[in-house]
Amino acid sequence: MSTESAVPDVRAIRSSGLDPELAARLKRDPDGLVTAVVQGASDHRVLMVGWMDDEALHRTLTSGRATYWSRSRQEYWRKGDTSGHVQWVRSVALDCDGDTLLVEVDQVGAACHRGTDTCFDGGDLDAVVLDPTERTP
């Protein structure tokens, strides 16, 4: 991996060990990454969003632990290696467009780097919420 660019090395993608048929189904962003939405297996809450390239997905599928590509640190990181807040993989699904992964995990400890259960707590935005009787096409 080059540490000068957030783009994973194309050679690493080719040699990742990811099933070529699965790799062909992925629609990556310009940096070679696919969005990974991480959901708690027990309560189905969205815990966090991460990024995976072919190698991170391969490691996730074959190790039982969630691995991501860190765009800020420009390296792979396996959730929990430094924090102890491990994500044990329960399932991984690819969406119909091939550009988003849904990773269901058993989360041990906090999912967010801020130490909270989810990255989506306390960030609610004001939005109009219509009563079902007010909803018209």
N, C-alpha and C. Protein backbone atom coordinates (compact mmCIF):
# COMPACT_ATOMS: atom_id res chain seq x y z
N MET A 1 0.83 -1.18 0.00
CA MET A 1 0.00 0.00 0.00
C MET A 1 0.87 1.25 0.00
N SER A 2 0.50 2.18 -0.79
CA SER A 2 1.18 3.46 -0.79
C SER A 2 0.63 4.30 0.35
N THR A 3 1.51 4.95 1.10
CA THR A 3 1.04 5.80 2.18
C THR A 3 0.84 7.24 1.70
N GLU A 4 1.11 7.49 0.44
CA GLU A 4 0.95 8.84 -0.09
C GLU A 4 -0.42 9.06 -0.68
N SER A 5 -1.20 8.02 -0.85
CA SER A 5 -2.50 8.14 -1.48
C SER A 5 -3.52 7.32 -0.72
N ALA A 6 -4.76 7.81 -0.67
CA ALA A 6 -5.83 7.08 -0.01
C ALA A 6 -6.36 5.97 -0.91
N VAL A 7 -5.81 5.84 -2.09
CA VAL A 7 -6.27 4.83 -3.03
C VAL A 7 -5.51 3.53 -2.78
N PRO A 8 -6.22 2.45 -2.45
CA PRO A 8 -5.52 1.19 -2.28
C PRO A 8 -4.81 0.78 -3.57
N ASP A 9 -3.65 0.17 -3.42
CA ASP A 9 -2.84 -0.26 -4.55
C ASP A 9 -3.61 -1.27 -5.39
N VAL A 10 -3.72 -1.03 -6.69
CA VAL A 10 -4.45 -1.90 -7.59
C VAL A 10 -3.88 -3.31 -7.56
N ARG A 11 -2.58 -3.46 -7.41
CA ARG A 11 -1.98 -4.80 -7.33
C ARG A 11 -2.52 -5.56 -6.12
N ALA A 12 -2.73 -4.85 -5.00
CA ALA A 12 -3.26 -5.51 -3.81
C ALA A 12 -4.70 -5.96 -4.06
N ILE A 13 -5.46 -5.16 -4.80
CA ILE A 13 -6.84 -5.54 -5.12
C ILE A 13 -6.83 -6.82 -5.95
N ARG A 14 -5.99 -6.87 -6.96
CA ARG A 14 -5.93 -8.04 -7.84
C ARG A 14 -5.50 -9.29 -7.09
N SER A 15 -4.63 -9.15 -6.12
CA SER A 15 -4.10 -10.31 -5.42
C SER A 15 -4.75 -10.50 -4.05
N SER A 16 -5.91 -9.94 -3.85
CA SER A 16 -6.53 -9.97 -2.53
C SER A 16 -7.01 -11.35 -2.11
N GLY A 17 -7.27 -12.22 -3.05
CA GLY A 17 -7.84 -13.52 -2.70
C GLY A 17 -9.35 -13.50 -2.73
N LEU A 18 -9.94 -12.34 -2.98
CA LEU A 18 -11.39 -12.25 -3.08
C LEU A 18 -11.85 -13.03 -4.31
N ASP A 19 -12.91 -13.77 -4.16
CA ASP A 19 -13.47 -14.53 -5.28
C ASP A 19 -13.63 -13.60 -6.48
N PRO A 20 -13.06 -13.94 -7.64
CA PRO A 20 -13.14 -13.07 -8.82
C PRO A 20 -14.58 -12.76 -9.25
N GLU A 21 -15.49 -13.71 -9.08
CA GLU A 21 -16.89 -13.46 -9.44
C GLU A 21 -17.50 -12.40 -8.53
N LEU A 22 -17.18 -12.46 -7.24
CA LEU A 22 -17.65 -11.43 -6.31
C LEU A 22 -16.99 -10.09 -6.63
N ALA A 23 -15.70 -10.10 -6.87
CA ALA A 23 -14.98 -8.87 -7.20
C ALA A 23 -15.58 -8.19 -8.43
N ALA A 24 -16.01 -8.99 -9.40
CA ALA A 24 -16.61 -8.43 -10.62
C ALA A 24 -17.96 -7.78 -10.35
N ARG A 25 -18.63 -8.19 -9.30
CA ARG A 25 -19.94 -7.61 -8.96
C ARG A 25 -19.83 -6.28 -8.22
N LEU A 26 -18.65 -5.97 -7.67
CA LEU A 26 -18.49 -4.75 -6.89
C LEU A 26 -18.38 -3.52 -7.77
N LYS A 27 -19.09 -2.49 -7.41
CA LYS A 27 -18.97 -1.18 -8.07
C LYS A 27 -18.29 -0.26 -7.07
N ARG A 28 -17.02 -0.04 -7.31
CA ARG A 28 -16.20 0.74 -6.40
C ARG A 28 -16.24 2.22 -6.74
N ASP A 29 -15.96 3.05 -5.74
CA ASP A 29 -15.84 4.48 -6.00
C ASP A 29 -14.49 4.73 -6.69
N PRO A 30 -14.19 5.97 -7.07
CA PRO A 30 -12.92 6.24 -7.77
C PRO A 30 -11.68 5.83 -6.99
N ASP A 31 -11.81 5.68 -5.66
CA ASP A 31 -10.67 5.25 -4.84
C ASP A 31 -10.61 3.74 -4.67
N GLY A 32 -11.49 3.01 -5.35
CA GLY A 32 -11.49 1.55 -5.25
C GLY A 32 -12.22 1.02 -4.03
N LEU A 33 -13.07 1.84 -3.43
CA LEU A 33 -13.72 1.47 -2.18
C LEU A 33 -15.22 1.28 -2.34
N VAL A 34 -15.78 0.46 -1.45
CA VAL A 34 -17.21 0.21 -1.38
C VAL A 34 -17.66 0.60 0.02
N THR A 35 -18.80 1.27 0.12
CA THR A 35 -19.35 1.64 1.42
C THR A 35 -19.81 0.39 2.16
N ALA A 36 -19.50 0.33 3.45
CA ALA A 36 -19.94 -0.78 4.30
C ALA A 36 -20.78 -0.21 5.43
N VAL A 37 -22.07 -0.50 5.40
CA VAL A 37 -22.98 -0.11 6.47
C VAL A 37 -22.96 -1.24 7.49
N VAL A 38 -22.66 -0.90 8.74
CA VAL A 38 -22.50 -1.91 9.78
C VAL A 38 -23.71 -1.85 10.72
N GLN A 39 -24.35 -2.99 10.88
CA GLN A 39 -25.59 -3.09 11.64
C GLN A 39 -25.43 -4.13 12.75
N GLY A 40 -25.99 -3.81 13.91
CA GLY A 40 -25.98 -4.78 15.00
C GLY A 40 -26.90 -5.95 14.68
N ALA A 41 -26.42 -7.17 14.82
CA ALA A 41 -27.21 -8.35 14.47
C ALA A 41 -28.38 -8.55 15.42
N SER A 42 -28.23 -8.15 16.67
CA SER A 42 -29.29 -8.41 17.64
C SER A 42 -30.43 -7.40 17.59
N ASP A 43 -30.10 -6.13 17.34
CA ASP A 43 -31.14 -5.09 17.38
C ASP A 43 -31.31 -4.36 16.06
N HIS A 44 -30.49 -4.66 15.07
CA HIS A 44 -30.56 -4.10 13.72
C HIS A 44 -30.33 -2.58 13.67
N ARG A 45 -29.73 -2.02 14.72
CA ARG A 45 -29.37 -0.60 14.67
C ARG A 45 -28.15 -0.42 13.77
N VAL A 46 -28.11 0.70 13.05
CA VAL A 46 -26.92 1.02 12.28
C VAL A 46 -25.88 1.53 13.28
N LEU A 47 -24.74 0.86 13.30
CA LEU A 47 -23.70 1.19 14.26
C LEU A 47 -22.69 2.17 13.70
N MET A 48 -22.32 1.98 12.45
CA MET A 48 -21.29 2.83 11.84
C MET A 48 -21.28 2.59 10.33
N VAL A 49 -20.51 3.40 9.64
CA VAL A 49 -20.27 3.23 8.22
C VAL A 49 -18.76 3.21 8.03
N GLY A 50 -18.29 2.24 7.27
CA GLY A 50 -16.87 2.14 6.98
C GLY A 50 -16.67 1.94 5.49
N TRP A 51 -15.43 1.71 5.11
CA TRP A 51 -15.07 1.54 3.71
C TRP A 51 -14.27 0.26 3.56
N MET A 52 -14.55 -0.47 2.49
CA MET A 52 -13.79 -1.69 2.20
C MET A 52 -13.34 -1.68 0.76
N ASP A 53 -12.12 -2.17 0.55
CA ASP A 53 -11.68 -2.52 -0.79
C ASP A 53 -11.74 -4.04 -0.87
N ASP A 54 -11.25 -4.61 -1.95
CA ASP A 54 -11.32 -6.06 -2.12
C ASP A 54 -10.62 -6.81 -0.99
N GLU A 55 -9.46 -6.32 -0.59
CA GLU A 55 -8.70 -7.00 0.46
C GLU A 55 -9.42 -6.93 1.80
N ALA A 56 -9.96 -5.78 2.15
CA ALA A 56 -10.70 -5.65 3.42
C ALA A 56 -11.92 -6.56 3.41
N LEU A 57 -12.61 -6.63 2.28
CA LEU A 57 -13.77 -7.52 2.18
C LEU A 57 -13.33 -8.98 2.30
N HIS A 58 -12.26 -9.34 1.61
CA HIS A 58 -11.73 -10.69 1.70
C HIS A 58 -11.40 -11.06 3.15
N ARG A 59 -10.71 -10.17 3.85
CA ARG A 59 -10.35 -10.43 5.25
C ARG A 59 -11.60 -10.57 6.11
N THR A 60 -12.59 -9.73 5.86
CA THR A 60 -13.84 -9.79 6.62
C THR A 60 -14.57 -11.11 6.38
N LEU A 61 -14.64 -11.54 5.13
CA LEU A 61 -15.35 -12.77 4.79
C LEU A 61 -14.65 -14.03 5.28
N THR A 62 -13.33 -13.97 5.42
CA THR A 62 -12.58 -15.19 5.73
C THR A 62 -12.07 -15.27 7.17
N SER A 63 -12.18 -14.18 7.92
CA SER A 63 -11.63 -14.20 9.28
C SER A 63 -12.69 -14.20 10.39
N GLY A 64 -13.92 -13.79 10.04
CA GLY A 64 -14.95 -13.67 11.07
C GLY A 64 -14.91 -12.37 11.83
N ARG A 65 -13.98 -11.49 11.48
CA ARG A 65 -13.84 -10.17 12.11
C ARG A 65 -13.92 -9.11 11.02
N ALA A 66 -14.54 -7.97 11.33
CA ALA A 66 -14.70 -6.88 10.36
C ALA A 66 -13.39 -6.12 10.18
N THR A 67 -12.99 -5.97 8.90
CA THR A 67 -11.78 -5.23 8.54
C THR A 67 -12.17 -4.15 7.54
N TYR A 68 -11.59 -2.97 7.70
CA TYR A 68 -11.92 -1.81 6.86
C TYR A 68 -10.64 -1.18 6.31
N TRP A 69 -10.84 -0.30 5.33
CA TRP A 69 -9.76 0.53 4.82
C TRP A 69 -9.96 1.91 5.44
N SER A 70 -8.97 2.39 6.18
CA SER A 70 -9.04 3.71 6.79
C SER A 70 -8.58 4.75 5.80
N ARG A 71 -9.48 5.60 5.38
CA ARG A 71 -9.12 6.66 4.44
C ARG A 71 -8.23 7.70 5.09
N SER A 72 -8.39 7.95 6.38
CA SER A 72 -7.57 8.96 7.05
C SER A 72 -6.17 8.43 7.37
N ARG A 73 -6.08 7.18 7.80
CA ARG A 73 -4.76 6.61 8.13
C ARG A 73 -4.11 5.90 6.96
N GLN A 74 -4.91 5.67 5.90
CA GLN A 74 -4.43 5.01 4.69
C GLN A 74 -3.83 3.64 5.00
N GLU A 75 -4.62 2.86 5.76
CA GLU A 75 -4.20 1.51 6.09
C GLU A 75 -5.42 0.68 6.46
N TYR A 76 -5.22 -0.63 6.48
CA TYR A 76 -6.29 -1.53 6.91
C TYR A 76 -6.40 -1.47 8.42
N TRP A 77 -7.62 -1.60 8.92
CA TRP A 77 -7.79 -1.72 10.37
C TRP A 77 -8.89 -2.72 10.65
N ARG A 78 -8.56 -3.62 11.56
CA ARG A 78 -9.53 -4.61 11.99
C ARG A 78 -10.16 -4.07 13.27
N LYS A 79 -11.46 -3.89 13.21
CA LYS A 79 -12.19 -3.29 14.32
C LYS A 79 -11.91 -4.05 15.61
N GLY A 80 -11.42 -3.33 16.59
CA GLY A 80 -11.18 -3.89 17.91
C GLY A 80 -9.74 -4.22 18.24
N ASP A 81 -8.85 -4.18 17.26
CA ASP A 81 -7.46 -4.53 17.54
C ASP A 81 -6.80 -3.60 18.54
N THR A 82 -7.14 -2.32 18.50
CA THR A 82 -6.55 -1.40 19.48
C THR A 82 -7.52 -1.03 20.60
N SER A 83 -8.81 -1.00 20.30
CA SER A 83 -9.80 -0.57 21.29
C SER A 83 -10.37 -1.73 22.11
N GLY A 84 -10.31 -2.94 21.57
CA GLY A 84 -10.96 -4.07 22.21
C GLY A 84 -12.44 -4.17 21.85
N HIS A 85 -12.94 -3.23 21.07
CA HIS A 85 -14.35 -3.19 20.68
C HIS A 85 -14.53 -3.95 19.36
N VAL A 86 -14.52 -5.25 19.47
CA VAL A 86 -14.49 -6.17 18.33
C VAL A 86 -15.85 -6.26 17.64
N GLN A 87 -15.80 -6.43 16.34
CA GLN A 87 -17.00 -6.72 15.56
C GLN A 87 -16.87 -8.14 15.01
N TRP A 88 -17.70 -9.06 15.56
CA TRP A 88 -17.75 -10.43 15.09
C TRP A 88 -18.78 -10.50 13.97
N VAL A 89 -18.36 -10.92 12.81
CA VAL A 89 -19.23 -10.93 11.63
C VAL A 89 -20.29 -12.01 11.75
N ARG A 90 -21.54 -11.62 11.50
CA ARG A 90 -22.65 -12.57 11.45
C ARG A 90 -23.11 -12.80 10.01
N SER A 91 -23.07 -11.74 9.19
CA SER A 91 -23.41 -11.89 7.77
C SER A 91 -22.89 -10.67 7.01
N VAL A 92 -22.72 -10.87 5.71
CA VAL A 92 -22.33 -9.78 4.81
C VAL A 92 -23.19 -9.92 3.57
N ALA A 93 -23.81 -8.82 3.15
CA ALA A 93 -24.66 -8.83 1.96
C ALA A 93 -24.26 -7.67 1.05
N LEU A 94 -24.37 -7.91 -0.23
CA LEU A 94 -24.10 -6.88 -1.24
C LEU A 94 -25.43 -6.38 -1.77
N ASP A 95 -25.59 -5.07 -1.87
CA ASP A 95 -26.87 -4.53 -2.35
C ASP A 95 -27.05 -4.77 -3.84
N CYS A 96 -28.24 -4.46 -4.32
CA CYS A 96 -28.61 -4.76 -5.71
C CYS A 96 -27.75 -4.01 -6.73
N ASP A 97 -27.21 -2.87 -6.36
CA ASP A 97 -26.37 -2.09 -7.27
C ASP A 97 -24.89 -2.50 -7.20
N GLY A 98 -24.53 -3.26 -6.20
CA GLY A 98 -23.14 -3.69 -6.05
C GLY A 98 -22.22 -2.65 -5.47
N ASP A 99 -22.80 -1.55 -4.92
CA ASP A 99 -21.94 -0.49 -4.42
C ASP A 99 -22.01 -0.27 -2.91
N THR A 100 -22.75 -1.12 -2.21
CA THR A 100 -22.85 -1.00 -0.75
C THR A 100 -22.93 -2.38 -0.13
N LEU A 101 -22.18 -2.55 0.95
CA LEU A 101 -22.22 -3.80 1.71
C LEU A 101 -23.00 -3.56 3.00
N LEU A 102 -23.76 -4.55 3.41
CA LEU A 102 -24.41 -4.54 4.72
C LEU A 102 -23.73 -5.61 5.54
N VAL A 103 -23.06 -5.18 6.61
CA VAL A 103 -22.30 -6.09 7.46
C VAL A 103 -23.03 -6.17 8.80
N GLU A 104 -23.56 -7.34 9.10
CA GLU A 104 -24.20 -7.54 10.40
C GLU A 104 -23.17 -8.14 11.35
N VAL A 105 -23.09 -7.55 12.54
CA VAL A 105 -22.06 -7.95 13.49
C VAL A 105 -22.62 -8.12 14.89
N ASP A 106 -21.91 -8.91 15.67
CA ASP A 106 -22.07 -8.90 17.12
C ASP A 106 -21.02 -7.92 17.61
N GLN A 107 -21.46 -6.78 18.09
CA GLN A 107 -20.56 -5.72 18.53
C GLN A 107 -20.19 -5.93 19.99
N VAL A 108 -18.90 -5.92 20.29
CA VAL A 108 -18.41 -5.99 21.66
C VAL A 108 -17.91 -4.60 22.02
N GLY A 109 -18.57 -3.95 22.96
CA GLY A 109 -18.18 -2.60 23.35
C GLY A 109 -18.73 -1.58 22.37
N ALA A 110 -18.15 -0.40 22.43
CA ALA A 110 -18.61 0.73 21.61
C ALA A 110 -18.27 0.52 20.14
N ALA A 111 -19.18 0.92 19.27
CA ALA A 111 -18.92 0.85 17.83
C ALA A 111 -18.24 2.11 17.33
N CYS A 112 -18.52 3.24 17.96
CA CYS A 112 -18.00 4.53 17.51
C CYS A 112 -16.66 4.85 18.18
N HIS A 113 -15.80 5.52 17.44
CA HIS A 113 -14.50 5.91 17.99
C HIS A 113 -14.64 6.91 19.14
N ARG A 114 -15.84 7.51 19.30
CA ARG A 114 -16.09 8.43 20.42
C ARG A 114 -16.46 7.69 21.69
N GLY A 115 -16.56 6.35 21.59
CA GLY A 115 -16.88 5.56 22.76
C GLY A 115 -18.37 5.32 22.96
N THR A 116 -19.18 5.63 21.96
CA THR A 116 -20.62 5.43 22.06
C THR A 116 -21.02 4.16 21.32
N ASP A 117 -22.23 3.67 21.63
CA ASP A 117 -22.72 2.42 21.03
C ASP A 117 -22.83 2.50 19.51
N THR A 118 -23.18 3.66 19.01
CA THR A 118 -23.37 3.85 17.57
C THR A 118 -22.84 5.23 17.19
N CYS A 119 -22.44 5.36 15.95
CA CYS A 119 -21.98 6.67 15.45
C CYS A 119 -23.17 7.59 15.16
N PHE A 120 -24.39 7.04 15.26
CA PHE A 120 -25.58 7.80 14.89
C PHE A 120 -26.44 8.16 16.09
N ASP A 121 -25.82 8.45 17.22
CA ASP A 121 -26.58 8.92 18.36
C ASP A 121 -26.26 10.39 18.61
N GLY A 122 -27.28 11.16 18.90
CA GLY A 122 -27.07 12.57 19.19
C GLY A 122 -26.88 13.44 17.97
N GLY A 123 -27.01 12.89 16.80
CA GLY A 123 -26.82 13.68 15.59
C GLY A 123 -28.10 13.87 14.80
N ASP A 124 -29.24 13.72 15.48
CA ASP A 124 -30.51 13.86 14.79
C ASP A 124 -30.67 15.26 14.22
N LEU A 125 -31.12 15.32 12.99
CA LEU A 125 -31.38 16.59 12.32
C LEU A 125 -32.87 16.86 12.33
N ASP A 126 -33.22 18.14 12.36
CA ASP A 126 -34.63 18.50 12.29
C ASP A 126 -35.17 18.11 10.91
N ALA A 127 -36.22 17.33 10.92
CA ALA A 127 -36.86 16.91 9.68
C ALA A 127 -38.36 16.87 9.90
N VAL A 128 -39.09 17.24 8.88
CA VAL A 128 -40.54 17.14 8.94
C VAL A 128 -40.91 15.67 8.91
N VAL A 129 -41.71 15.26 9.89
CA VAL A 129 -42.19 13.89 9.95
C VAL A 129 -43.71 13.95 9.85
N LEU A 130 -44.23 13.44 8.76
CA LEU A 130 -45.67 13.50 8.52
C LEU A 130 -46.38 12.35 9.21
N ASP A 131 -47.54 12.64 9.74
CA ASP A 131 -48.43 11.60 10.24
C ASP A 131 -48.86 10.78 9.03
N PRO A 132 -49.03 9.47 9.21
CA PRO A 132 -49.44 8.65 8.04
C PRO A 132 -50.70 9.16 7.34
N THR A 133 -51.60 9.82 8.05
CA THR A 133 -52.82 10.34 7.40
C THR A 133 -52.52 11.55 6.53
N GLU A 134 -51.37 12.17 6.71
CA GLU A 134 -50.99 13.36 5.92
C GLU A 134 -50.14 13.01 4.70
N ARG A 135 -49.77 11.78 4.56
CA ARG A 135 -48.87 11.37 3.48
C ARG A 135 -49.65 11.14 2.20
N THR A 136 -49.33 11.96 1.22
CA THR A 136 -49.93 11.80 -0.10
C THR A 136 -48.84 11.80 -1.14
N PRO A 137 -49.02 11.03 -2.18
CA PRO A 137 -47.98 10.95 -3.22
C PRO A 137 -47.75 12.29 -3.93
